[in-house]
Amino acid sequence: MVSIILFHIVLILLGLTIVTGVLPTARVSNALSYLHKSIGITTPSAKQVRMVVLIWIGSAIVMLDGCLLLLLVLTSLSNTR
């Protein structure tokens, strides 16, 4: 449980540092271009980098929460009494 909360806190803090400009746009753009090139999609323009990174962070949080919810549902259904 603690690791899930820490994961959320780390990703939210990462998002805040990107929005406030603490992390340079060039560094964020490089990391984003590696991600996009590895899965074979086009990289965003310089104006779109911050928004796309926030979308990726939000998607990671939603996917993790969805997987955990699915795990909880499946284990509650398979619980033999």
C-alpha atoms as a PDB file:
ATOM      1  CA  MET A   1       0.000   0.000   0.000  1.00  0.00           C
ATOM      2  CA  VAL A   2       2.837   2.347   0.853  1.00  0.00           C
ATOM      3  CA  SER A   3       4.515   1.725  -2.498  1.00  0.00           C
ATOM      4  CA  ILE A   4       1.322   2.612  -4.361  1.00  0.00           C
ATOM      5  CA  ILE A   5       1.002   5.878  -2.477  1.00  0.00           C
ATOM      6  CA  LEU A   6       4.685   6.657  -3.052  1.00  0.00           C
ATOM      7  CA  PHE A   7       4.275   5.949  -6.776  1.00  0.00           C
ATOM      8  CA  HIS A   8       1.405   8.433  -6.947  1.00  0.00           C
ATOM      9  CA  ILE A   9       3.321  11.050  -4.970  1.00  0.00           C
ATOM     10  CA  VAL A  10       6.424  10.698  -7.156  1.00  0.00           C
ATOM     11  CA  LEU A  11       4.459  10.999 -10.383  1.00  0.00           C
ATOM     12  CA  ILE A  12       2.465  13.971  -9.131  1.00  0.00           C
ATOM     13  CA  LEU A  13       5.666  15.719  -8.005  1.00  0.00           C
ATOM     14  CA  LEU A  14       7.221  14.965 -11.395  1.00  0.00           C
ATOM     15  CA  GLY A  15       4.199  16.515 -13.089  1.00  0.00           C
ATOM     16  CA  LEU A  16       4.430  19.590 -10.886  1.00  0.00           C
ATOM     17  CA  THR A  17       8.122  20.076 -11.642  1.00  0.00           C
ATOM     18  CA  ILE A  18       7.368  19.859 -15.346  1.00  0.00           C
ATOM     19  CA  VAL A  19       4.457  22.311 -15.166  1.00  0.00           C
ATOM     20  CA  THR A  20       6.351  24.860 -13.081  1.00  0.00           C
ATOM     21  CA  GLY A  21       9.395  24.714 -15.351  1.00  0.00           C
ATOM     22  CA  VAL A  22      11.869  23.394 -12.781  1.00  0.00           C
ATOM     23  CA  LEU A  23      12.878  20.682 -15.245  1.00  0.00           C
ATOM     24  CA  PRO A  24      14.256  22.156 -18.474  1.00  0.00           C
ATOM     25  CA  THR A  25      12.132  21.591 -21.551  1.00  0.00           C
ATOM     26  CA  ALA A  26      15.112  20.148 -23.435  1.00  0.00           C
ATOM     27  CA  ARG A  27      15.580  17.368 -20.874  1.00  0.00           C
ATOM     28  CA  VAL A  28      11.873  16.548 -20.864  1.00  0.00           C
ATOM     29  CA  SER A  29      11.808  16.601 -24.660  1.00  0.00           C
ATOM     30  CA  ASN A  30      14.748  14.185 -24.866  1.00  0.00           C
ATOM     31  CA  ALA A  31      13.117  11.717 -22.491  1.00  0.00           C
ATOM     32  CA  LEU A  32       9.836  11.996 -24.368  1.00  0.00           C
ATOM     33  CA  SER A  33      11.520  11.473 -27.738  1.00  0.00           C
ATOM     34  CA  TYR A  34      13.159   8.248 -26.477  1.00  0.00           C
ATOM     35  CA  LEU A  35       9.766   6.987 -25.341  1.00  0.00           C
ATOM     36  CA  HIS A  36       8.026   7.906 -28.577  1.00  0.00           C
ATOM     37  CA  LYS A  37      10.771   6.483 -30.783  1.00  0.00           C
ATOM     38  CA  SER A  38      10.815   3.217 -28.849  1.00  0.00           C
ATOM     39  CA  ILE A  39       7.119   2.621 -29.490  1.00  0.00           C
ATOM     40  CA  GLY A  40       7.234   4.035 -33.019  1.00  0.00           C
ATOM     41  CA  ILE A  41       5.109   7.161 -32.841  1.00  0.00           C
ATOM     42  CA  THR A  42       5.980  10.699 -33.864  1.00  0.00           C
ATOM     43  CA  THR A  43       7.471  13.064 -31.316  1.00  0.00           C
ATOM     44  CA  PRO A  44       5.523  16.180 -30.361  1.00  0.00           C
ATOM     45  CA  SER A  45       6.636  19.672 -31.273  1.00  0.00           C
ATOM     46  CA  ALA A  46       8.469  21.831 -28.746  1.00  0.00           C
ATOM     47  CA  LYS A  47       5.250  23.646 -27.822  1.00  0.00           C
ATOM     48  CA  GLN A  48       3.430  20.385 -27.079  1.00  0.00           C
ATOM     49  CA  VAL A  49       6.106  18.663 -24.966  1.00  0.00           C
ATOM     50  CA  ARG A  50       4.827  19.672 -21.530  1.00  0.00           C
ATOM     51  CA  MET A  51       1.229  18.736 -22.292  1.00  0.00           C
ATOM     52  CA  VAL A  52       2.187  15.378 -23.801  1.00  0.00           C
ATOM     53  CA  VAL A  53       4.357  14.518 -20.790  1.00  0.00           C
ATOM     54  CA  LEU A  54       1.477  15.337 -18.458  1.00  0.00           C
ATOM     55  CA  ILE A  55      -0.789  13.095 -20.533  1.00  0.00           C
ATOM     56  CA  TRP A  56       1.757  10.255 -20.245  1.00  0.00           C
ATOM     57  CA  ILE A  57       2.012  10.730 -16.471  1.00  0.00           C
ATOM     58  CA  GLY A  58      -1.770  10.789 -16.090  1.00  0.00           C
ATOM     59  CA  SER A  59      -2.089   7.696 -18.261  1.00  0.00           C
ATOM     60  CA  ALA A  60       0.458   5.827 -16.139  1.00  0.00           C
ATOM     61  CA  ILE A  61      -1.468   6.671 -12.972  1.00  0.00           C
ATOM     62  CA  VAL A  62      -4.803   5.607 -14.505  1.00  0.00           C
ATOM     63  CA  MET A  63      -3.334   2.355 -15.855  1.00  0.00           C
ATOM     64  CA  LEU A  64      -1.809   1.448 -12.496  1.00  0.00           C
ATOM     65  CA  ASP A  65      -5.039   2.203 -10.638  1.00  0.00           C
ATOM     66  CA  GLY A  66      -7.041   0.226 -13.209  1.00  0.00           C
ATOM     67  CA  CYS A  67      -4.769  -2.791 -12.902  1.00  0.00           C
ATOM     68  CA  LEU A  68      -4.952  -2.670  -9.114  1.00  0.00           C
ATOM     69  CA  LEU A  69      -8.734  -2.385  -9.206  1.00  0.00           C
ATOM     70  CA  LEU A  70      -8.913  -5.350 -11.582  1.00  0.00           C
ATOM     71  CA  LEU A  71      -6.652  -7.322  -9.254  1.00  0.00           C
ATOM     72  CA  LEU A  72      -8.877  -6.501  -6.281  1.00  0.00           C
ATOM     73  CA  VAL A  73     -12.032  -7.488  -8.154  1.00  0.00           C
ATOM     74  CA  LEU A  74     -10.560 -10.752  -9.373  1.00  0.00           C
ATOM     75  CA  THR A  75      -9.225 -11.734  -5.959  1.00  0.00           C
ATOM     76  CA  SER A  76     -12.532 -10.890  -4.282  1.00  0.00           C
ATOM     77  CA  LEU A  77     -14.402 -13.029  -6.808  1.00  0.00           C
ATOM     78  CA  SER A  78     -12.058 -15.961  -6.487  1.00  0.00           C
ATOM     79  CA  ASN A  79     -12.091 -15.936  -2.688  1.00  0.00           C
ATOM     80  CA  THR A  80     -13.474 -19.270  -1.558  1.00  0.00           C
ATOM     81  CA  ARG A  81     -15.368 -19.178   1.713  1.00  0.00           C
END
